[in-house]
Amino acid sequence: MIEGLLSDVHGVLYVYPHAVPGSVAAVKRLQDSGRPHLFLTNSSQHPKSWILESLTTAGFEIAAEHVLTAVEAAGLHLRRSGLHRIGWLCVPDLVEDLAGLEAVFPHAPGTGRVDAVLVGDMGSGFTYEVLNQAFRWLHEGAKLIAIARNRTYQTQDGLVLDSGPFVTLLEEAAEVKAEVTGKPSLTFFQTALSHLGLPASSVAMVGDDLEADVLPAMDLGMRGVLVRTGKFRAERYDAGEHRADWVAKDLAQVVNKLLGEMTSD
């Protein structure tokens, strides 16, 4: 029996700045039901305060404690690992979510060695100079930490590159392996489960990304639900080898089924 729900944010709740049709009402029904739930995001373009504000603007009423970000997970991992001087391949605004860490920006003169290189989504900030400085830090022994390694995400204008390809580039150049703190890291999903206080077998994970959202959750024993919103592409899914437990139209259909209003898939 499914008692709790984890859900991706971008592509499931909204494609910024607009809510996916039916998702605002679905979240409200989920909240009113009292079912344990948590919204997960790999977004690293903006701090958590901005994400919460953008959700409010889109029509949602979601409290901070019901959102877990990969950036928060990155900060926890870095502090626990004793990595405090951080080569900053992230947008500057993320500093507010990573208290207690020293951000060293690639363009700063005389940067010196760092403990780790943290890679988020810098968008057009991924210049040759920035990536080359990151490579030099890694070559000097810094750890490579990726907030996420999604390849793409959906915008109003279509699919765009996410940070994943740049993480792969740095791995290849420096001959290192990145530690990932957000999805699809099993540690991130385990942290989410601990927030719910439920075993994996009692939880469903909803996402628009099979590889980052759904399959890792299924590996932990959760039900994996892929929705046909956001960056879902039917032709790619149909041609693939891996399968979700259920492919739903959208979050509204998932919530309806969770609350017992549907009798079949």
Protein backbone atom coordinates (compact mmCIF):
# COMPACT_ATOMS: atom_id res chain seq x y z
CA MET A 1 0.00 0.00 0.00
CA ILE A 2 1.32 3.42 -0.97
CA GLU A 3 1.20 5.76 2.03
CA GLY A 4 3.50 8.59 0.99
CA LEU A 5 4.58 10.46 -2.12
CA LEU A 6 7.81 11.95 -3.37
CA SER A 7 7.62 14.17 -6.43
CA ASP A 8 9.97 16.05 -8.70
CA VAL A 9 9.28 19.78 -9.01
CA HIS A 10 10.25 21.06 -12.46
CA GLY A 11 8.34 19.29 -15.21
CA VAL A 12 5.85 17.77 -12.77
CA LEU A 13 4.53 20.72 -10.75
CA TYR A 14 5.49 23.42 -13.23
CA VAL A 15 7.49 24.30 -16.27
CA TYR A 16 8.65 27.65 -15.00
CA PRO A 17 6.86 29.98 -14.65
CA HIS A 18 3.57 28.19 -15.37
CA ALA A 19 2.01 25.33 -13.42
CA VAL A 20 1.38 22.09 -15.28
CA PRO A 21 -2.42 21.99 -15.81
CA GLY A 22 -4.13 20.34 -12.85
CA SER A 23 -1.02 20.25 -10.65
CA VAL A 24 -2.00 23.07 -8.28
CA ALA A 25 -5.28 21.37 -7.43
CA ALA A 26 -3.52 17.99 -7.16
CA VAL A 27 -1.01 19.33 -4.63
CA LYS A 28 -3.82 20.93 -2.61
CA ARG A 29 -5.72 17.62 -2.52
CA LEU A 30 -2.55 15.80 -1.47
CA GLN A 31 -1.97 18.31 1.32
CA ASP A 32 -5.57 18.10 2.51
CA SER A 33 -5.38 14.31 2.59
CA GLY A 34 -2.66 14.38 5.23
CA ARG A 35 -0.55 11.87 3.30
CA PRO A 36 3.20 12.30 3.92
CA HIS A 37 4.77 14.02 0.93
CA LEU A 38 7.93 15.83 -0.12
CA PHE A 39 8.90 17.67 -3.30
CA LEU A 40 12.43 17.10 -4.60
CA THR A 41 14.41 19.31 -6.94
CA ASN A 42 17.81 19.12 -8.58
CA SER A 43 17.56 22.76 -9.61
CA SER A 44 20.79 24.65 -8.98
CA GLN A 45 20.13 27.82 -10.95
CA HIS A 46 18.48 29.48 -7.97
CA PRO A 47 18.51 29.22 -4.15
CA LYS A 48 15.69 27.52 -2.26
CA SER A 49 14.09 30.86 -1.37
CA TRP A 50 13.64 31.60 -5.09
CA ILE A 51 12.23 28.14 -5.78
CA LEU A 52 9.63 28.57 -3.04
CA GLU A 53 8.72 32.03 -4.34
CA SER A 54 8.41 30.75 -7.91
CA LEU A 55 6.09 27.97 -6.75
CA THR A 56 3.94 30.53 -4.94
CA THR A 57 3.81 32.69 -8.07
CA ALA A 58 2.67 29.64 -10.06
CA GLY A 59 -0.22 29.16 -7.62
CA PHE A 60 1.12 26.59 -5.14
CA GLU A 61 1.14 26.90 -1.36
CA ILE A 62 4.08 24.73 -0.34
CA ALA A 63 6.03 25.22 2.89
CA ALA A 64 9.83 25.10 2.97
CA GLU A 65 9.85 21.88 4.99
CA HIS A 66 8.06 20.09 2.16
CA VAL A 67 10.81 20.87 -0.36
CA LEU A 68 14.21 19.17 -0.38
CA THR A 69 16.83 20.53 -2.77
CA ALA A 70 19.97 18.91 -4.13
CA VAL A 71 21.81 22.09 -3.11
CA GLU A 72 20.86 21.49 0.54
CA ALA A 73 22.11 17.92 0.20
CA ALA A 74 25.39 19.19 -1.30
CA GLY A 75 26.01 21.51 1.64
CA LEU A 76 25.35 18.72 4.12
CA HIS A 77 27.72 16.38 2.29
CA LEU A 78 30.52 18.95 2.05
CA ARG A 79 30.34 19.89 5.73
CA ARG A 80 30.21 16.25 6.86
CA SER A 81 33.22 15.47 4.66
CA GLY A 82 35.28 18.35 6.04
CA LEU A 83 35.43 20.07 2.64
CA HIS A 84 35.11 23.79 3.34
CA ARG A 85 37.04 25.70 0.65
CA ILE A 86 34.96 25.18 -2.45
CA GLY A 87 35.74 25.93 -6.11
CA TRP A 88 32.45 27.49 -7.15
CA LEU A 89 31.01 26.33 -10.48
CA CYS A 90 27.56 27.51 -9.47
CA VAL A 91 25.57 30.72 -9.75
CA PRO A 92 26.57 33.17 -7.00
CA ASP A 93 23.10 33.21 -5.41
CA LEU A 94 23.52 29.63 -4.19
CA VAL A 95 25.92 30.85 -1.51
CA GLU A 96 22.91 31.58 0.72
CA ASP A 97 22.00 27.85 0.81
CA LEU A 98 25.52 26.70 1.70
CA ALA A 99 26.30 28.39 5.00
CA GLY A 100 29.66 27.61 6.58
CA LEU A 101 31.48 27.07 3.27
CA GLU A 102 33.99 29.36 1.58
CA ALA A 103 33.10 29.91 -2.07
CA VAL A 104 36.13 30.45 -4.33
CA PHE A 105 35.07 31.82 -7.72
CA PRO A 106 37.03 30.72 -10.82
CA HIS A 107 37.65 34.26 -12.02
CA ALA A 108 39.07 35.44 -8.69
CA PRO A 109 42.80 36.28 -8.87
CA GLY A 110 45.21 33.96 -7.05
CA THR A 111 42.57 31.39 -6.12
CA GLY A 112 44.99 28.77 -4.80
CA ARG A 113 44.00 25.22 -3.97
CA VAL A 114 40.46 24.23 -2.98
CA ASP A 115 39.08 21.21 -1.13
CA ALA A 116 36.40 20.46 -3.71
CA VAL A 117 34.89 21.70 -6.95
CA LEU A 118 31.11 22.04 -6.71
CA VAL A 119 29.27 21.95 -10.03
CA GLY A 120 25.75 23.32 -10.41
CA ASP A 121 23.86 24.68 -13.39
CA MET A 122 25.71 27.82 -14.49
CA GLY A 123 24.00 28.08 -17.87
CA SER A 124 26.04 30.40 -20.08
CA GLY A 125 28.58 30.70 -17.25
CA PHE A 126 30.19 27.44 -18.39
CA THR A 127 32.95 29.16 -20.34
CA TYR A 128 36.29 27.66 -21.36
CA GLU A 129 38.08 29.74 -18.70
CA VAL A 130 35.76 28.55 -15.92
CA LEU A 131 35.97 24.89 -16.95
CA ASN A 132 39.75 25.07 -17.33
CA GLN A 133 40.13 26.52 -13.81
CA ALA A 134 37.96 23.68 -12.48
CA PHE A 135 40.15 21.19 -14.33
CA ARG A 136 43.27 22.69 -12.71
CA TRP A 137 41.74 22.47 -9.23
CA LEU A 138 40.85 18.83 -9.82
CA HIS A 139 44.31 18.11 -11.20
CA GLU A 140 45.69 19.51 -7.92
CA GLY A 141 43.64 17.01 -5.92
CA ALA A 142 40.27 18.65 -5.27
CA LYS A 143 37.20 16.41 -5.04
CA LEU A 144 34.54 16.74 -7.74
CA ILE A 145 31.04 17.20 -6.30
CA ALA A 146 28.04 17.45 -8.62
CA ILE A 147 24.77 18.85 -7.33
CA ALA A 148 23.16 16.84 -10.11
CA ARG A 149 24.07 15.35 -13.46
CA ASN A 150 20.86 15.70 -15.42
CA ARG A 151 21.58 16.06 -19.14
CA THR A 152 18.66 18.35 -20.02
CA TYR A 153 15.61 20.08 -18.62
CA GLN A 154 12.46 21.49 -20.15
CA THR A 155 11.85 25.23 -20.59
CA GLN A 156 9.08 27.14 -22.32
CA ASP A 157 11.37 27.34 -25.35
CA GLY A 158 12.28 23.64 -25.44
CA LEU A 159 14.96 21.36 -24.04
CA VAL A 160 18.20 22.96 -22.85
CA LEU A 161 21.51 21.62 -21.56
CA ASP A 162 21.70 20.97 -17.82
CA SER A 163 24.92 20.59 -15.80
CA GLY A 164 25.40 16.85 -16.43
CA PRO A 165 27.38 17.15 -19.67
CA PHE A 166 29.83 19.54 -17.98
CA VAL A 167 30.28 17.16 -15.06
CA THR A 168 31.13 14.40 -17.56
CA LEU A 169 33.58 16.70 -19.34
CA LEU A 170 35.45 17.40 -16.08
CA GLU A 171 35.47 13.71 -15.12
CA GLU A 172 37.00 12.82 -18.46
CA ALA A 173 39.57 15.63 -18.48
CA ALA A 174 40.77 15.20 -14.88
CA GLU A 175 40.30 11.40 -14.74
CA VAL A 176 38.15 11.59 -11.62
CA LYS A 177 34.66 10.45 -10.68
CA ALA A 178 32.09 12.92 -9.41
CA GLU A 179 30.13 12.39 -6.21
CA VAL A 180 26.49 13.31 -6.90
CA THR A 181 24.45 14.78 -4.03
CA GLY A 182 21.07 15.14 -5.75
CA LYS A 183 19.04 12.80 -7.93
CA PRO A 184 19.86 10.07 -8.98
CA SER A 185 22.02 9.61 -5.87
CA LEU A 186 20.54 6.89 -3.68
CA THR A 187 21.69 8.88 -0.63
CA PHE A 188 19.46 11.76 -1.70
CA PHE A 189 16.43 9.48 -1.99
CA GLN A 190 17.24 7.88 1.37
CA THR A 191 17.33 11.34 2.93
CA ALA A 192 13.93 12.05 1.40
CA LEU A 193 12.53 8.81 2.82
CA SER A 194 13.83 9.74 6.27
CA HIS A 195 11.89 13.02 6.02
CA LEU A 196 8.71 11.05 5.33
CA GLY A 197 9.39 8.50 8.05
CA LEU A 198 8.20 5.68 5.81
CA PRO A 199 9.83 2.58 4.32
CA ALA A 200 10.58 2.63 0.60
CA SER A 201 7.91 -0.01 -0.08
CA SER A 202 5.23 2.42 1.13
CA VAL A 203 6.29 5.34 -1.06
CA ALA A 204 5.87 6.29 -4.72
CA MET A 205 8.24 8.61 -6.57
CA VAL A 206 6.84 10.76 -9.39
CA GLY A 207 9.03 12.35 -12.04
CA ASP A 208 9.36 13.34 -15.69
CA ASP A 209 12.90 11.93 -15.93
CA LEU A 210 13.18 8.14 -16.02
CA GLU A 211 16.91 8.01 -15.25
CA ALA A 212 17.15 10.72 -12.60
CA ASP A 213 13.77 10.40 -10.87
CA VAL A 214 12.16 7.04 -11.39
CA LEU A 215 14.70 4.24 -11.76
CA PRO A 216 16.83 5.16 -8.69
CA ALA A 217 13.69 5.26 -6.56
CA MET A 218 12.71 1.82 -7.86
CA ASP A 219 16.20 0.54 -7.01
CA LEU A 220 15.46 1.44 -3.39
CA GLY A 221 12.13 -0.38 -3.45
CA MET A 222 9.78 2.52 -4.14
CA ARG A 223 7.08 2.54 -6.80
CA GLY A 224 8.33 4.52 -9.78
CA VAL A 225 5.83 6.71 -11.63
CA LEU A 226 6.80 8.50 -14.85
CA VAL A 227 4.50 11.35 -15.90
CA ARG A 228 3.91 12.52 -19.48
CA THR A 229 4.71 16.14 -18.67
CA GLY A 230 7.89 18.21 -18.65
CA LYS A 231 10.69 16.58 -20.62
CA PHE A 232 8.96 13.21 -21.05
CA ARG A 233 9.30 12.03 -24.64
CA ALA A 234 7.18 9.03 -25.63
CA GLU A 235 9.42 8.01 -28.53
CA ARG A 236 12.49 7.82 -26.31
CA TYR A 237 10.67 5.93 -23.56
CA ASP A 238 9.11 3.45 -25.98
CA ALA A 239 12.52 2.72 -27.52
CA GLY A 240 14.26 2.18 -24.17
CA GLU A 241 14.90 -0.99 -22.24
CA HIS A 242 13.93 0.25 -18.77
CA ARG A 243 10.38 0.73 -17.58
CA ALA A 244 8.62 2.62 -14.83
CA ASP A 245 6.06 0.84 -12.67
CA TRP A 246 3.44 3.16 -14.11
CA VAL A 247 3.34 5.87 -16.79
CA ALA A 248 0.72 8.44 -15.81
CA LYS A 249 -0.74 11.39 -17.68
CA ASP A 250 0.23 13.88 -14.99
CA LEU A 251 0.47 14.47 -11.24
CA ALA A 252 -3.29 14.89 -10.95
CA GLN A 253 -3.84 11.35 -12.19
CA VAL A 254 -1.24 10.06 -9.72
CA VAL A 255 -2.85 11.84 -6.77
CA ASN A 256 -6.31 10.62 -7.79
CA LYS A 257 -5.06 7.04 -7.80
CA LEU A 258 -3.18 7.48 -4.54
CA LEU A 259 -6.34 8.74 -2.84
CA GLY A 260 -8.34 5.78 -4.09
CA GLU A 261 -10.38 7.44 -6.81
CA MET A 262 -9.07 5.22 -9.59
CA THR A 263 -9.55 1.49 -9.84
CA SER A 264 -7.20 0.77 -12.73
CA ASP A 265 -4.21 2.15 -14.59
